[in-house]
Structures are given as C-alpha cells and as structure tokens.
C-alpha cells in the first residue's frame, strides 16, 4: 500500500492545501466556461486566446499532480 494511503503517515499539510486551491480554481474556470454567454464569447476568441485559457487548465493540473506526487512520496 502506498504511504499516502496509510493513515499512520503524517502528510505535509501544505501540499493538500495547494491541491484544494488548484482544484477550486479549475472548478471556477469550468463553471464560468459552462455559462452560455461565456461559451459564446469564448468561441469568438482567437485560437491563440483559446489555447492560452486552456493553458490555465494545464498549469493547474500540473500543480495538482506535483503536489499529490510530493505528498505521496513524503517530500
């Protein structure tokens, strides 16, 4: 069993906080993009602008992955 699943291991509490913040940011962004008016405006953006916005998702997911990996490995 991985250490992060073992209740006796004390994880670094800063890492889960980072994950929660990143997930909250992704949730807010997806909520915004799910609004019809926002989706319409998003579709009118240039491809560069759309890619930049999706880059926010990529960056947030990379941060989540890093924080979870550090928590799992005990760093």
Protein backbone atom coordinates (compact mmCIF):
# COMPACT_ATOMS: atom_id res chain seq x y z
CA UNK A 1 0.00 0.00 0.00
CA UNK A 2 1.37 3.45 -0.88
CA UNK A 3 2.40 5.53 2.14
CA UNK A 4 -0.09 8.28 1.35
CA UNK A 5 -2.94 5.78 1.84
CA UNK A 6 -1.58 4.72 5.23
CA UNK A 7 -3.40 6.61 8.00
CA UNK A 8 -0.35 6.45 10.28
CA UNK A 9 1.76 8.52 7.86
CA UNK A 10 1.52 12.23 8.56
CA UNK A 11 1.34 14.04 5.19
CA UNK A 12 2.66 17.55 4.62
CA UNK A 13 -0.48 19.64 5.13
CA UNK A 14 0.73 22.37 2.76
CA UNK A 15 0.53 20.04 -0.25
CA UNK A 16 -3.17 19.14 0.13
CA UNK A 17 -3.92 22.85 0.60
CA UNK A 18 -2.20 23.54 -2.73
CA UNK A 19 -4.27 20.82 -4.38
CA UNK A 20 -7.52 22.20 -2.94
CA UNK A 21 -6.70 25.69 -4.20
CA UNK A 22 -5.83 24.38 -7.67
CA UNK A 23 -8.99 22.26 -7.86
CA UNK A 24 -11.08 25.23 -6.73
CA UNK A 25 -9.51 27.35 -9.48
CA UNK A 26 -10.29 24.70 -12.11
CA UNK A 27 -13.83 24.35 -10.79
CA UNK A 28 -14.38 28.11 -11.00
CA UNK A 29 -12.99 28.28 -14.53
CA UNK A 30 -15.10 25.37 -15.76
CA UNK A 31 -18.16 26.90 -14.11
CA UNK A 32 -17.51 30.15 -15.91
CA UNK A 33 -16.97 28.46 -19.27
CA UNK A 34 -20.19 26.47 -18.86
CA UNK A 35 -22.30 29.64 -18.94
CA UNK A 36 -23.90 30.07 -22.37
CA UNK A 37 -22.89 33.72 -22.78
CA UNK A 38 -19.30 32.99 -21.79
CA UNK A 39 -19.14 29.96 -24.10
CA UNK A 40 -20.36 32.10 -27.00
CA UNK A 41 -17.74 34.76 -26.30
CA UNK A 42 -15.07 32.09 -25.86
CA UNK A 43 -15.86 30.66 -29.30
CA UNK A 44 -15.37 34.14 -30.78
CA UNK A 45 -11.84 34.40 -29.35
CA UNK A 46 -8.79 33.79 -31.49
CA UNK A 47 -7.24 30.36 -31.38
CA UNK A 48 -4.25 31.80 -29.52
CA UNK A 49 -6.53 33.20 -26.81
CA UNK A 50 -8.43 29.91 -26.51
CA UNK A 51 -5.19 27.95 -26.22
CA UNK A 52 -3.99 30.37 -23.55
CA UNK A 53 -7.13 29.81 -21.50
CA UNK A 54 -6.77 26.05 -21.78
CA UNK A 55 -3.15 26.54 -20.74
CA UNK A 56 -4.57 27.59 -17.37
CA UNK A 57 -6.11 24.13 -17.06
CA UNK A 58 -2.81 22.50 -17.99
CA UNK A 59 -0.86 24.58 -15.45
CA UNK A 60 -3.37 23.92 -12.68
CA UNK A 61 -3.40 20.18 -13.37
CA UNK A 62 0.41 20.11 -13.39
CA UNK A 63 0.39 21.86 -10.00
CA UNK A 64 -2.09 19.33 -8.64
CA UNK A 65 -0.01 16.44 -9.95
CA UNK A 66 3.16 17.87 -8.42
CA UNK A 67 1.53 18.44 -5.03
CA UNK A 68 -0.01 14.97 -4.96
CA UNK A 69 3.26 13.35 -6.02
CA UNK A 70 5.16 15.18 -3.29
CA UNK A 71 2.55 14.17 -0.73
CA UNK A 72 2.68 10.55 -1.89
CA UNK A 73 6.47 10.40 -1.77
CA UNK A 74 6.71 12.27 1.52
CA UNK A 75 8.74 15.20 0.17
